[in-house]
C-alpha cells in the first residue's frame, strides 16, 4: 500500500446489544466477538455509502477480506450491555484499507438500543480498540487486486480519508 493521509474524522457508529450468545460462561463477552462487532460496523458503514458487499462481489468479482487485526482489550463487556462500535478509515490505499475501530459501553438503564442512547459521552467506557486491515481480492482466486475506482471514490466522498 502506498503512503496515505490521516485527516480529522467523525467515526461511523453502530449500536450493539450484548446477548447470551456473545458471552462466555461468566457472562463476559468472549474476546473474539469484538471482531464480529467490528465487522458489523464496517459492513454498515459500507451500506451507508451505498455499497452492499454481496452486490459488490456480483458486479465486480471482488470482495474485501481481513488481512490483519490488532486489538487491545481495556475492560470487559457483559450481558445486556449497550455498546457503540465505531469505524473510521485510518488509511486508504489502492488495494487495502486500514480501519481504526473501538467499542464503548454506555450507561443504559432503559435497555433500549436507540441512537440517542448510544452517543459517545463522558459516561462512555472504552472496552476495546483495534486496527483492522482489509484488502481487496478477486473472489474466485482470492488473489489481491485493486479496489474498484467507484468504491474508492465512495470512500473518499464519505470524507473520512483520501487515497495515498
Protein backbone atom coordinates (compact mmCIF):
# COMPACT_ATOMS: atom_id res chain seq x y z
CA UNK A 1 0.00 0.00 0.00
CA UNK A 2 1.31 3.44 -0.81
CA UNK A 3 1.55 6.25 1.70
CA UNK A 4 -1.81 7.56 2.89
CA UNK A 5 -3.07 10.55 4.81
CA UNK A 6 -4.80 10.62 8.19
CA UNK A 7 -7.19 13.58 8.28
CA UNK A 8 -9.65 14.52 11.03
CA UNK A 9 -12.76 12.33 11.03
CA UNK A 10 -16.08 11.60 12.60
CA UNK A 11 -16.32 7.85 13.14
CA UNK A 12 -19.30 5.87 11.96
CA UNK A 13 -21.03 4.30 14.97
CA UNK A 14 -23.28 1.29 15.36
CA UNK A 15 -25.29 0.36 18.48
CA UNK A 16 -24.78 -3.26 19.58
CA UNK A 17 -26.56 -5.03 22.43
CA UNK A 18 -24.70 -7.88 24.18
CA UNK A 19 -26.71 -11.13 24.15
CA UNK A 20 -26.10 -14.52 25.79
CA UNK A 21 -24.64 -15.82 22.52
CA UNK A 22 -21.90 -13.17 22.77
CA UNK A 23 -20.73 -14.18 26.25
CA UNK A 24 -18.76 -16.93 27.91
CA UNK A 25 -19.93 -18.91 30.94
CA UNK A 26 -19.18 -15.93 33.20
CA UNK A 27 -21.44 -13.56 31.28
CA UNK A 28 -18.45 -11.66 29.83
CA UNK A 29 -18.19 -11.00 26.09
CA UNK A 30 -15.91 -13.62 24.54
CA UNK A 31 -12.82 -11.78 23.26
CA UNK A 32 -13.19 -12.92 19.62
CA UNK A 33 -16.70 -11.49 19.44
CA UNK A 34 -15.27 -7.98 19.31
CA UNK A 35 -14.05 -8.93 15.82
CA UNK A 36 -17.68 -9.71 14.92
CA UNK A 37 -18.83 -6.38 16.33
CA UNK A 38 -16.10 -4.59 14.34
CA UNK A 39 -17.11 -6.46 11.17
CA UNK A 40 -20.73 -5.39 11.60
CA UNK A 41 -19.70 -1.74 11.97
CA UNK A 42 -17.53 -1.84 8.82
CA UNK A 43 -20.33 -3.53 6.86
CA UNK A 44 -22.92 -0.99 8.00
CA UNK A 45 -20.50 1.85 7.19
CA UNK A 46 -20.24 0.48 3.63
CA UNK A 47 -24.05 0.27 3.45
CA UNK A 48 -24.24 3.92 4.47
CA UNK A 49 -22.08 4.64 1.44
CA UNK A 50 -24.47 2.65 -0.76
CA UNK A 51 -22.07 -0.27 -1.06
CA UNK A 52 -23.57 -3.71 -0.40
CA UNK A 53 -20.83 -6.34 -0.15
CA UNK A 54 -22.89 -9.06 -1.85
CA UNK A 55 -23.67 -6.74 -4.76
CA UNK A 56 -20.02 -5.66 -4.98
CA UNK A 57 -18.97 -9.28 -5.37
CA UNK A 58 -21.59 -9.95 -8.04
CA UNK A 59 -20.84 -6.78 -10.02
CA UNK A 60 -17.05 -6.62 -9.71
CA UNK A 61 -15.98 -10.18 -8.98
CA UNK A 62 -14.09 -8.93 -5.94
CA UNK A 63 -14.52 -8.58 -2.21
CA UNK A 64 -12.88 -7.31 0.94
CA UNK A 65 -11.09 -9.75 3.26
CA UNK A 66 -9.39 -9.11 6.58
CA UNK A 67 -5.64 -9.44 6.25
CA UNK A 68 -4.64 -8.36 9.77
CA UNK A 69 -6.20 -7.36 13.07
CA UNK A 70 -4.70 -5.89 16.22
CA UNK A 71 -6.92 -5.41 19.25
CA UNK A 72 -6.24 -4.07 22.73
CA UNK A 73 -8.80 -5.01 25.36
CA UNK A 74 -9.33 -2.42 28.08
CA UNK A 75 -12.39 -3.62 30.03
CA UNK A 76 -14.93 -6.41 29.57
CA UNK A 77 -18.43 -6.01 28.18
CA UNK A 78 -21.14 -8.04 29.89
CA UNK A 79 -24.54 -9.49 29.18
CA UNK A 80 -27.16 -6.81 28.32
CA UNK A 81 -24.59 -4.01 27.96
CA UNK A 82 -25.34 -1.46 25.26
CA UNK A 83 -22.26 -0.82 23.16
CA UNK A 84 -21.34 1.65 20.48
CA UNK A 85 -18.91 0.24 17.94
CA UNK A 86 -17.12 2.79 15.78
CA UNK A 87 -15.28 2.56 12.49
CA UNK A 88 -13.31 5.08 10.52
CA UNK A 89 -10.67 4.86 7.86
CA UNK A 90 -7.15 5.34 9.12
CA UNK A 91 -5.51 4.70 5.73
CA UNK A 92 -6.99 4.20 2.28
CA UNK A 93 -4.79 2.74 -0.40
CA UNK A 94 -5.40 1.38 -3.87
CA UNK A 95 -5.67 -2.25 -2.69
CA UNK A 96 -6.34 -2.09 1.06
CA UNK A 97 -7.99 -0.09 3.81
CA UNK A 98 -6.96 0.22 7.46
CA UNK A 99 -9.85 0.88 9.82
CA UNK A 100 -9.48 2.21 13.35
CA UNK A 101 -12.27 0.70 15.44
CA UNK A 102 -13.43 0.98 19.03
CA UNK A 103 -16.12 -0.49 21.25
CA UNK A 104 -17.61 1.56 24.09
CA UNK A 105 -20.09 0.72 26.86
CA UNK A 106 -22.82 3.15 27.87
CA UNK A 107 -24.86 3.63 30.99
CA UNK A 108 -28.24 2.37 29.79
CA UNK A 109 -30.89 1.90 32.41
CA UNK A 110 -33.78 1.62 29.94
CA UNK A 111 -32.18 -1.25 27.96
CA UNK A 112 -33.14 0.31 24.66
CA UNK A 113 -30.92 0.45 21.63
CA UNK A 114 -31.83 3.79 20.13
CA UNK A 115 -29.26 6.05 18.56
CA UNK A 116 -29.95 8.61 21.29
CA UNK A 117 -28.71 6.14 23.88
CA UNK A 118 -25.50 5.35 22.02
CA UNK A 119 -23.95 8.78 21.56
CA UNK A 120 -20.41 8.81 22.93
CA UNK A 121 -20.39 10.79 26.16
CA UNK A 122 -18.07 11.22 29.14
CA UNK A 123 -20.00 8.27 30.62
CA UNK A 124 -18.85 6.02 27.76
CA UNK A 125 -16.20 3.48 28.72
CA UNK A 126 -13.66 2.27 26.15
CA UNK A 127 -13.71 -1.53 26.11
CA UNK A 128 -11.61 -2.45 23.08
CA UNK A 129 -9.68 -0.64 20.35
CA UNK A 130 -8.39 -2.16 17.16
CA UNK A 131 -6.72 -1.62 13.85
CA UNK A 132 -8.17 -3.82 11.10
CA UNK A 133 -6.65 -4.03 7.62
CA UNK A 134 -8.88 -5.28 4.82
CA UNK A 135 -7.63 -5.99 1.33
CA UNK A 136 -9.45 -6.32 -1.97
CA UNK A 137 -9.23 -9.74 -3.61
CA UNK A 138 -10.67 -11.43 -6.67
CA UNK A 139 -13.40 -13.66 -5.24
CA UNK A 140 -12.69 -16.67 -7.48
CA UNK A 141 -8.93 -16.82 -6.95
CA UNK A 142 -8.51 -14.95 -3.66
CA UNK A 143 -5.62 -13.11 -5.32
CA UNK A 144 -5.05 -9.46 -4.34
CA UNK A 145 -6.37 -6.78 -6.64
CA UNK A 146 -7.08 -3.06 -6.76
CA UNK A 147 -10.19 -1.68 -5.11
CA UNK A 148 -12.58 -0.63 -7.91
CA UNK A 149 -12.44 3.10 -8.69
CA UNK A 150 -16.13 3.61 -7.85
CA UNK A 151 -15.63 2.05 -4.41
CA UNK A 152 -12.56 4.22 -3.73
CA UNK A 153 -14.49 7.29 -4.85
CA UNK A 154 -17.40 6.45 -2.49
CA UNK A 155 -14.97 6.03 0.40
CA UNK A 156 -13.28 9.33 -0.40
CA UNK A 157 -16.63 11.10 -0.79
CA UNK A 158 -17.55 9.97 2.72
CA UNK A 159 -14.96 12.49 3.89
CA UNK A 160 -13.14 10.00 6.09
CA UNK A 161 -9.83 9.98 4.23
CA UNK A 162 -8.02 10.28 0.91
CA UNK A 163 -6.21 7.68 -1.16
CA UNK A 164 -2.49 7.61 -0.97
